[in-house]
């Protein structure tokens, strides 16, 4: 019953979903001169700054350091921007939600889909960086879709949960911005984790985002399949996050209109 209703609603409102994604992509850079070109420029500038600042410390110990940084940055940006956008999605769609019936999950989903398009654009930057610094290509590069797809599910689950909480607890956006800063440093975007004592490795390996970044790097930099244990852990946490996010969202969505 649930699956049938979900598929029916998704099919019925897919045009609205497409329009919301299109709106998110255009509004993001609406007042800028370069427009959507910033989707290319942002990861380039982010990675360039990190390479310049941290390359002196870690560049010699990490092969193809620029690619290492680009992978970390674009993966983290996808999760950070996707969940932050989803967090505010119900509040920003209050005008329509109060007047018309639409499946409310479309709002956080649209934010994460638009960030998925930005991630796909950023992949072009990654390929360019690989060409410039002569990082070899291989069949294993195609396997990168596995940790990225799992990360999409994890991000969607977190986004649904955050969108629900934000309706009832307004301060969550401030707490989440602090959490994202802490998460960035726990995701090894620009440094190798082998610089830390062995007992601290658990901090990274319990971070699903680090598992996604590590798996992505395995397929691109080290030309191998992601570590099976980390990939399995990433998959389990993604399923749990999606199940919890979906459950909380559907249990609370009927009360959204009373708090918007």
C-alpha atoms as a PDB file:
ATOM      1  CA  UNK A   1       0.000   0.000   0.000  1.00  0.00           C
ATOM      2  CA  UNK A   2       2.741   2.446   0.997  1.00  0.00           C
ATOM      3  CA  UNK A   3       4.832   1.654  -2.090  1.00  0.00           C
ATOM      4  CA  UNK A   4       1.821   2.033  -4.405  1.00  0.00           C
ATOM      5  CA  UNK A   5       0.885   5.391  -2.872  1.00  0.00           C
ATOM      6  CA  UNK A   6       4.491   6.599  -3.001  1.00  0.00           C
ATOM      7  CA  UNK A   7       4.899   5.667  -6.678  1.00  0.00           C
ATOM      8  CA  UNK A   8       1.535   7.223  -7.585  1.00  0.00           C
ATOM      9  CA  UNK A   9       2.379  10.509  -5.841  1.00  0.00           C
ATOM     10  CA  UNK A  10       5.882  10.557  -7.265  1.00  0.00           C
ATOM     11  CA  UNK A  11       4.549  10.079 -10.808  1.00  0.00           C
ATOM     12  CA  UNK A  12       1.795  12.649 -10.325  1.00  0.00           C
ATOM     13  CA  UNK A  13       4.099  15.347  -8.949  1.00  0.00           C
ATOM     14  CA  UNK A  14       7.294  14.628 -10.896  1.00  0.00           C
ATOM     15  CA  UNK A  15       6.796  17.849 -12.887  1.00  0.00           C
ATOM     16  CA  UNK A  16       6.759  19.867  -9.638  1.00  0.00           C
ATOM     17  CA  UNK A  17       9.883  18.047  -8.481  1.00  0.00           C
ATOM     18  CA  UNK A  18      11.634  18.890 -11.756  1.00  0.00           C
ATOM     19  CA  UNK A  19      10.609  22.541 -11.446  1.00  0.00           C
ATOM     20  CA  UNK A  20      11.873  22.731  -7.852  1.00  0.00           C
ATOM     21  CA  UNK A  21      15.225  21.269  -8.891  1.00  0.00           C
ATOM     22  CA  UNK A  22      15.427  23.719 -11.784  1.00  0.00           C
ATOM     23  CA  UNK A  23      14.562  26.587  -9.440  1.00  0.00           C
ATOM     24  CA  UNK A  24      17.230  25.562  -6.935  1.00  0.00           C
ATOM     25  CA  UNK A  25      19.876  25.482  -9.661  1.00  0.00           C
ATOM     26  CA  UNK A  26      18.943  28.896 -11.077  1.00  0.00           C
ATOM     27  CA  UNK A  27      18.295  30.717  -7.774  1.00  0.00           C
ATOM     28  CA  UNK A  28      21.607  29.634  -6.288  1.00  0.00           C
ATOM     29  CA  UNK A  29      23.580  31.793  -8.727  1.00  0.00           C
ATOM     30  CA  UNK A  30      20.759  34.116  -9.829  1.00  0.00           C
ATOM     31  CA  UNK A  31      22.502  37.427  -9.096  1.00  0.00           C
ATOM     32  CA  UNK A  32      26.016  36.361 -10.087  1.00  0.00           C
ATOM     33  CA  UNK A  33      27.680  37.345 -13.355  1.00  0.00           C
ATOM     34  CA  UNK A  34      29.056  33.862 -14.023  1.00  0.00           C
ATOM     35  CA  UNK A  35      25.813  32.044 -13.128  1.00  0.00           C
ATOM     36  CA  UNK A  36      25.995  28.255 -13.113  1.00  0.00           C
ATOM     37  CA  UNK A  37      29.668  28.465 -14.106  1.00  0.00           C
ATOM     38  CA  UNK A  38      30.264  28.847 -10.362  1.00  0.00           C
ATOM     39  CA  UNK A  39      29.437  25.135 -10.093  1.00  0.00           C
ATOM     40  CA  UNK A  40      32.733  24.572 -11.917  1.00  0.00           C
ATOM     41  CA  UNK A  41      34.618  27.409 -10.290  1.00  0.00           C
ATOM     42  CA  UNK A  42      33.723  26.734  -6.632  1.00  0.00           C
ATOM     43  CA  UNK A  43      35.346  23.285  -6.353  1.00  0.00           C
ATOM     44  CA  UNK A  44      38.376  24.560  -8.292  1.00  0.00           C
ATOM     45  CA  UNK A  45      38.886  27.506  -5.935  1.00  0.00           C
ATOM     46  CA  UNK A  46      38.164  25.422  -2.811  1.00  0.00           C
ATOM     47  CA  UNK A  47      40.655  22.772  -3.841  1.00  0.00           C
ATOM     48  CA  UNK A  48      43.242  25.334  -4.954  1.00  0.00           C
ATOM     49  CA  UNK A  49      43.140  27.084  -1.579  1.00  0.00           C
ATOM     50  CA  UNK A  50      43.511  23.782   0.272  1.00  0.00           C
ATOM     51  CA  UNK A  51      46.330  22.625  -1.997  1.00  0.00           C
ATOM     52  CA  UNK A  52      48.214  25.895  -1.483  1.00  0.00           C
ATOM     53  CA  UNK A  53      47.705  25.964   2.292  1.00  0.00           C
ATOM     54  CA  UNK A  54      48.073  22.279   3.148  1.00  0.00           C
ATOM     55  CA  UNK A  55      50.188  21.023   0.252  1.00  0.00           C
ATOM     56  CA  UNK A  56      53.346  22.089   2.070  1.00  0.00           C
ATOM     57  CA  UNK A  57      52.456  19.851   5.025  1.00  0.00           C
ATOM     58  CA  UNK A  58      50.855  16.849   3.339  1.00  0.00           C
ATOM     59  CA  UNK A  59      51.516  17.144  -0.393  1.00  0.00           C
ATOM     60  CA  UNK A  60      54.722  15.121  -0.374  1.00  0.00           C
ATOM     61  CA  UNK A  61      53.131  12.202   1.526  1.00  0.00           C
ATOM     62  CA  UNK A  62      49.965  11.913  -0.600  1.00  0.00           C
ATOM     63  CA  UNK A  63      50.239  10.983  -4.290  1.00  0.00           C
ATOM     64  CA  UNK A  64      48.305  13.314  -6.595  1.00  0.00           C
ATOM     65  CA  UNK A  65      47.473  15.570  -3.675  1.00  0.00           C
ATOM     66  CA  UNK A  66      45.294  17.939  -5.741  1.00  0.00           C
ATOM     67  CA  UNK A  67      43.018  15.063  -6.797  1.00  0.00           C
ATOM     68  CA  UNK A  68      42.966  13.812  -3.188  1.00  0.00           C
ATOM     69  CA  UNK A  69      41.708  17.227  -2.061  1.00  0.00           C
ATOM     70  CA  UNK A  70      39.187  17.637  -4.900  1.00  0.00           C
ATOM     71  CA  UNK A  71      37.584  14.268  -4.099  1.00  0.00           C
ATOM     72  CA  UNK A  72      37.282  15.140  -0.425  1.00  0.00           C
ATOM     73  CA  UNK A  73      35.953  18.615  -1.078  1.00  0.00           C
ATOM     74  CA  UNK A  74      33.293  17.806  -3.689  1.00  0.00           C
ATOM     75  CA  UNK A  75      32.025  14.815  -1.695  1.00  0.00           C
ATOM     76  CA  UNK A  76      31.808  16.823   1.520  1.00  0.00           C
ATOM     77  CA  UNK A  77      30.152  19.754  -0.287  1.00  0.00           C
ATOM     78  CA  UNK A  78      27.479  17.439  -1.656  1.00  0.00           C
ATOM     79  CA  UNK A  79      26.552  16.157   1.795  1.00  0.00           C
ATOM     80  CA  UNK A  80      26.869  19.540   3.510  1.00  0.00           C
ATOM     81  CA  UNK A  81      24.910  21.534   0.922  1.00  0.00           C
ATOM     82  CA  UNK A  82      22.346  18.775   0.393  1.00  0.00           C
ATOM     83  CA  UNK A  83      21.490  18.331   4.057  1.00  0.00           C
ATOM     84  CA  UNK A  84      21.590  22.067   4.811  1.00  0.00           C
ATOM     85  CA  UNK A  85      19.249  22.738   1.895  1.00  0.00           C
ATOM     86  CA  UNK A  86      16.918  19.939   2.964  1.00  0.00           C
ATOM     87  CA  UNK A  87      16.896  21.277   6.525  1.00  0.00           C
ATOM     88  CA  UNK A  88      15.316  24.546   5.353  1.00  0.00           C
ATOM     89  CA  UNK A  89      13.215  23.051   2.545  1.00  0.00           C
ATOM     90  CA  UNK A  90       9.900  22.699   4.357  1.00  0.00           C
ATOM     91  CA  UNK A  91      10.148  26.196   5.837  1.00  0.00           C
ATOM     92  CA  UNK A  92      10.975  27.707   2.443  1.00  0.00           C
ATOM     93  CA  UNK A  93       8.061  25.877   0.832  1.00  0.00           C
ATOM     94  CA  UNK A  94       5.569  26.994   3.490  1.00  0.00           C
ATOM     95  CA  UNK A  95       3.677  29.251   1.080  1.00  0.00           C
ATOM     96  CA  UNK A  96       2.655  26.342  -1.134  1.00  0.00           C
ATOM     97  CA  UNK A  97       2.314  23.779   1.655  1.00  0.00           C
ATOM     98  CA  UNK A  98      -0.240  25.950   3.481  1.00  0.00           C
ATOM     99  CA  UNK A  99      -2.419  26.365   0.372  1.00  0.00           C
ATOM    100  CA  UNK A 100      -2.129  23.171  -1.646  1.00  0.00           C
ATOM    101  CA  UNK A 101      -1.600  19.489  -1.062  1.00  0.00           C
ATOM    102  CA  UNK A 102       1.715  18.269  -2.392  1.00  0.00           C
ATOM    103  CA  UNK A 103       3.834  15.376  -1.123  1.00  0.00           C
ATOM    104  CA  UNK A 104       6.052  17.183   1.333  1.00  0.00           C
ATOM    105  CA  UNK A 105       9.047  14.899   0.812  1.00  0.00           C
ATOM    106  CA  UNK A 106       9.418  16.518  -2.618  1.00  0.00           C
ATOM    107  CA  UNK A 107      10.960  19.610  -0.991  1.00  0.00           C
ATOM    108  CA  UNK A 108      13.968  17.979   0.727  1.00  0.00           C
ATOM    109  CA  UNK A 109      14.334  15.568  -2.203  1.00  0.00           C
ATOM    110  CA  UNK A 110      14.547  18.450  -4.673  1.00  0.00           C
ATOM    111  CA  UNK A 111      17.365  20.068  -2.676  1.00  0.00           C
ATOM    112  CA  UNK A 112      19.414  16.887  -2.676  1.00  0.00           C
ATOM    113  CA  UNK A 113      18.752  16.214  -6.366  1.00  0.00           C
ATOM    114  CA  UNK A 114      19.927  19.721  -7.263  1.00  0.00           C
ATOM    115  CA  UNK A 115      23.107  19.146  -5.264  1.00  0.00           C
ATOM    116  CA  UNK A 116      23.524  15.841  -7.105  1.00  0.00           C
ATOM    117  CA  UNK A 117      23.600  17.802 -10.357  1.00  0.00           C
ATOM    118  CA  UNK A 118      26.211  20.134  -8.869  1.00  0.00           C
ATOM    119  CA  UNK A 119      28.205  17.048  -7.838  1.00  0.00           C
ATOM    120  CA  UNK A 120      28.004  15.708 -11.387  1.00  0.00           C
ATOM    121  CA  UNK A 121      29.302  19.053 -12.685  1.00  0.00           C
ATOM    122  CA  UNK A 122      32.099  18.928 -10.118  1.00  0.00           C
ATOM    123  CA  UNK A 123      33.116  15.544 -11.532  1.00  0.00           C
ATOM    124  CA  UNK A 124      34.209  17.397 -14.658  1.00  0.00           C
ATOM    125  CA  UNK A 125      36.547  19.426 -12.461  1.00  0.00           C
ATOM    126  CA  UNK A 126      37.872  16.168 -10.986  1.00  0.00           C
ATOM    127  CA  UNK A 127      38.556  14.728 -14.433  1.00  0.00           C
ATOM    128  CA  UNK A 128      40.293  17.968 -15.406  1.00  0.00           C
ATOM    129  CA  UNK A 129      42.484  17.807 -12.303  1.00  0.00           C
ATOM    130  CA  UNK A 130      43.386  14.197 -13.105  1.00  0.00           C
ATOM    131  CA  UNK A 131      44.416  15.182 -16.630  1.00  0.00           C
ATOM    132  CA  UNK A 132      46.448  18.200 -15.509  1.00  0.00           C
ATOM    133  CA  UNK A 133      48.501  16.333 -12.892  1.00  0.00           C
ATOM    134  CA  UNK A 134      48.564  13.123 -14.966  1.00  0.00           C
ATOM    135  CA  UNK A 135      46.706  10.914 -12.517  1.00  0.00           C
ATOM    136  CA  UNK A 136      46.074   7.631 -14.398  1.00  0.00           C
ATOM    137  CA  UNK A 137      42.590   6.548 -15.382  1.00  0.00           C
ATOM    138  CA  UNK A 138      41.384   2.970 -15.020  1.00  0.00           C
ATOM    139  CA  UNK A 139      38.306   0.736 -14.975  1.00  0.00           C
ATOM    140  CA  UNK A 140      38.114   1.166 -11.212  1.00  0.00           C
ATOM    141  CA  UNK A 141      37.137   4.820 -11.708  1.00  0.00           C
ATOM    142  CA  UNK A 142      33.676   3.630 -12.752  1.00  0.00           C
ATOM    143  CA  UNK A 143      33.217   1.902  -9.391  1.00  0.00           C
ATOM    144  CA  UNK A 144      33.156   5.357  -7.750  1.00  0.00           C
ATOM    145  CA  UNK A 145      29.418   5.373  -8.428  1.00  0.00           C
ATOM    146  CA  UNK A 146      28.951   2.812  -5.609  1.00  0.00           C
ATOM    147  CA  UNK A 147      30.081   4.908  -2.593  1.00  0.00           C
ATOM    148  CA  UNK A 148      28.492   7.995  -4.177  1.00  0.00           C
ATOM    149  CA  UNK A 149      25.126   6.253  -4.644  1.00  0.00           C
ATOM    150  CA  UNK A 150      25.201   5.024  -1.036  1.00  0.00           C
ATOM    151  CA  UNK A 151      26.072   8.548   0.093  1.00  0.00           C
ATOM    152  CA  UNK A 152      23.028   9.854  -1.794  1.00  0.00           C
ATOM    153  CA  UNK A 153      20.771   7.538   0.237  1.00  0.00           C
ATOM    154  CA  UNK A 154      22.498   8.563   3.471  1.00  0.00           C
ATOM    155  CA  UNK A 155      22.180  12.264   2.594  1.00  0.00           C
ATOM    156  CA  UNK A 156      18.501  11.889   1.729  1.00  0.00           C
ATOM    157  CA  UNK A 157      17.796  10.135   5.029  1.00  0.00           C
ATOM    158  CA  UNK A 158      19.614  12.828   7.012  1.00  0.00           C
ATOM    159  CA  UNK A 159      17.868  15.522   4.969  1.00  0.00           C
ATOM    160  CA  UNK A 160      14.403  14.141   5.695  1.00  0.00           C
ATOM    161  CA  UNK A 161      15.185  13.943   9.401  1.00  0.00           C
ATOM    162  CA  UNK A 162      16.618  17.479   9.544  1.00  0.00           C
ATOM    163  CA  UNK A 163      13.698  18.915   7.558  1.00  0.00           C
ATOM    164  CA  UNK A 164      11.264  17.425  10.077  1.00  0.00           C
ATOM    165  CA  UNK A 165      13.162  18.589  13.152  1.00  0.00           C
ATOM    166  CA  UNK A 166      13.592  22.131  11.799  1.00  0.00           C
ATOM    167  CA  UNK A 167       9.818  22.638  11.618  1.00  0.00           C
ATOM    168  CA  UNK A 168       9.471  22.115  15.374  1.00  0.00           C
ATOM    169  CA  UNK A 169      12.895  23.118  16.676  1.00  0.00           C
ATOM    170  CA  UNK A 170      14.103  26.297  14.981  1.00  0.00           C
ATOM    171  CA  UNK A 171      17.554  26.333  16.586  1.00  0.00           C
ATOM    172  CA  UNK A 172      18.593  23.135  14.837  1.00  0.00           C
ATOM    173  CA  UNK A 173      20.001  25.113  11.881  1.00  0.00           C
ATOM    174  CA  UNK A 174      22.485  26.892  14.155  1.00  0.00           C
ATOM    175  CA  UNK A 175      23.516  23.688  15.889  1.00  0.00           C
ATOM    176  CA  UNK A 176      23.836  21.935  12.538  1.00  0.00           C
ATOM    177  CA  UNK A 177      26.157  24.595  11.133  1.00  0.00           C
ATOM    178  CA  UNK A 178      28.513  23.936  14.062  1.00  0.00           C
ATOM    179  CA  UNK A 179      28.204  20.187  13.562  1.00  0.00           C
ATOM    180  CA  UNK A 180      29.100  20.524   9.871  1.00  0.00           C
ATOM    181  CA  UNK A 181      32.285  22.369  10.781  1.00  0.00           C
ATOM    182  CA  UNK A 182      33.275  19.585  13.172  1.00  0.00           C
ATOM    183  CA  UNK A 183      32.346  16.952  10.593  1.00  0.00           C
ATOM    184  CA  UNK A 184      34.614  18.562   8.019  1.00  0.00           C
ATOM    185  CA  UNK A 185      37.653  18.041  10.247  1.00  0.00           C
ATOM    186  CA  UNK A 186      36.580  14.463  10.957  1.00  0.00           C
ATOM    187  CA  UNK A 187      36.377  13.637   7.241  1.00  0.00           C
ATOM    188  CA  UNK A 188      40.074  13.999   6.282  1.00  0.00           C
ATOM    189  CA  UNK A 189      39.515  16.320   3.351  1.00  0.00           C
ATOM    190  CA  UNK A 190      43.133  17.434   3.083  1.00  0.00           C
ATOM    191  CA  UNK A 191      45.243  15.217   5.329  1.00  0.00           C
ATOM    192  CA  UNK A 192      46.008  11.484   5.673  1.00  0.00           C
ATOM    193  CA  UNK A 193      44.584   9.768   8.737  1.00  0.00           C
ATOM    194  CA  UNK A 194      47.762   7.750   9.238  1.00  0.00           C
ATOM    195  CA  UNK A 195      49.245  10.867  10.858  1.00  0.00           C
ATOM    196  CA  UNK A 196      47.027  10.196  13.881  1.00  0.00           C
ATOM    197  CA  UNK A 197      47.541   7.622  16.664  1.00  0.00           C
ATOM    198  CA  UNK A 198      45.918   4.222  15.951  1.00  0.00           C
ATOM    199  CA  UNK A 199      43.369   4.716  18.738  1.00  0.00           C
ATOM    200  CA  UNK A 200      41.994   7.783  16.919  1.00  0.00           C
ATOM    201  CA  UNK A 201      41.321   5.876  13.694  1.00  0.00           C
ATOM    202  CA  UNK A 202      37.945   4.826  15.063  1.00  0.00           C
ATOM    203  CA  UNK A 203      36.788   8.463  14.902  1.00  0.00           C
ATOM    204  CA  UNK A 204      37.240   8.448  11.133  1.00  0.00           C
ATOM    205  CA  UNK A 205      36.030   4.933  10.477  1.00  0.00           C
ATOM    206  CA  UNK A 206      32.789   5.560  12.371  1.00  0.00           C
ATOM    207  CA  UNK A 207      32.107   8.585  10.171  1.00  0.00           C
ATOM    208  CA  UNK A 208      29.972   7.447   7.195  1.00  0.00           C
ATOM    209  CA  UNK A 209      31.040  10.528   5.230  1.00  0.00           C
ATOM    210  CA  UNK A 210      34.705   9.619   5.628  1.00  0.00           C
ATOM    211  CA  UNK A 211      33.859   6.083   4.466  1.00  0.00           C
ATOM    212  CA  UNK A 212      32.304   7.550   1.308  1.00  0.00           C
ATOM    213  CA  UNK A 213      35.307   9.802   0.671  1.00  0.00           C
ATOM    214  CA  UNK A 214      37.744   6.955   1.334  1.00  0.00           C
ATOM    215  CA  UNK A 215      35.865   4.627  -1.023  1.00  0.00           C
ATOM    216  CA  UNK A 216      35.779   7.326  -3.690  1.00  0.00           C
ATOM    217  CA  UNK A 217      39.526   7.849  -3.344  1.00  0.00           C
ATOM    218  CA  UNK A 218      40.190   4.104  -3.531  1.00  0.00           C
ATOM    219  CA  UNK A 219      38.551   3.926  -6.959  1.00  0.00           C
ATOM    220  CA  UNK A 220      40.199   7.066  -8.356  1.00  0.00           C
ATOM    221  CA  UNK A 221      43.618   7.406  -6.731  1.00  0.00           C
ATOM    222  CA  UNK A 222      44.529   3.866  -5.781  1.00  0.00           C
ATOM    223  CA  UNK A 223      42.772   2.026  -8.623  1.00  0.00           C
ATOM    224  CA  UNK A 224      41.105  -0.544  -6.420  1.00  0.00           C
ATOM    225  CA  UNK A 225      37.681  -1.451  -5.082  1.00  0.00           C
ATOM    226  CA  UNK A 226      36.627   0.316  -1.869  1.00  0.00           C
ATOM    227  CA  UNK A 227      37.468  -1.450   1.375  1.00  0.00           C
ATOM    228  CA  UNK A 228      34.638  -4.043   1.802  1.00  0.00           C
ATOM    229  CA  UNK A 229      34.304  -3.466   5.546  1.00  0.00           C
ATOM    230  CA  UNK A 230      34.007   0.312   5.217  1.00  0.00           C
ATOM    231  CA  UNK A 231      31.663  -0.024   2.250  1.00  0.00           C
ATOM    232  CA  UNK A 232      29.403  -2.377   4.195  1.00  0.00           C
ATOM    233  CA  UNK A 233      29.413  -0.029   7.183  1.00  0.00           C
ATOM    234  CA  UNK A 234      28.575   2.895   4.879  1.00  0.00           C
ATOM    235  CA  UNK A 235      25.686   0.906   3.377  1.00  0.00           C
ATOM    236  CA  UNK A 236      24.286  -0.098   6.783  1.00  0.00           C
ATOM    237  CA  UNK A 237      24.417   3.480   8.125  1.00  0.00           C
ATOM    238  CA  UNK A 238      22.798   4.759   4.915  1.00  0.00           C
ATOM    239  CA  UNK A 239      19.910   2.303   5.230  1.00  0.00           C
ATOM    240  CA  UNK A 240      19.450   3.166   8.908  1.00  0.00           C
ATOM    241  CA  UNK A 241      19.583   6.920   8.239  1.00  0.00           C
ATOM    242  CA  UNK A 242      17.085   6.623   5.378  1.00  0.00           C
ATOM    243  CA  UNK A 243      14.707   4.427   7.406  1.00  0.00           C
ATOM    244  CA  UNK A 244      14.832   6.743  10.439  1.00  0.00           C
ATOM    245  CA  UNK A 245      14.532   9.895   8.337  1.00  0.00           C
ATOM    246  CA  UNK A 246      11.589   8.539   6.364  1.00  0.00           C
ATOM    247  CA  UNK A 247       9.819   7.262   9.486  1.00  0.00           C
ATOM    248  CA  UNK A 248      10.164  10.569  11.373  1.00  0.00           C
ATOM    249  CA  UNK A 249       9.183  12.596   8.303  1.00  0.00           C
ATOM    250  CA  UNK A 250       6.004  10.625   7.651  1.00  0.00           C
ATOM    251  CA  UNK A 251       5.055  10.591  11.337  1.00  0.00           C
ATOM    252  CA  UNK A 252       5.361  14.365  11.656  1.00  0.00           C
ATOM    253  CA  UNK A 253       4.439  15.733   8.212  1.00  0.00           C
ATOM    254  CA  UNK A 254       0.726  16.167   9.012  1.00  0.00           C
ATOM    255  CA  UNK A 255       1.671  18.586  11.802  1.00  0.00           C
ATOM    256  CA  UNK A 256       3.975  20.730   9.649  1.00  0.00           C
ATOM    257  CA  UNK A 257       1.256  23.167   8.607  1.00  0.00           C
ATOM    258  CA  UNK A 258       0.488  23.958  12.262  1.00  0.00           C
ATOM    259  CA  UNK A 259       4.041  25.128  12.897  1.00  0.00           C
ATOM    260  CA  UNK A 260       4.895  26.955   9.666  1.00  0.00           C
END
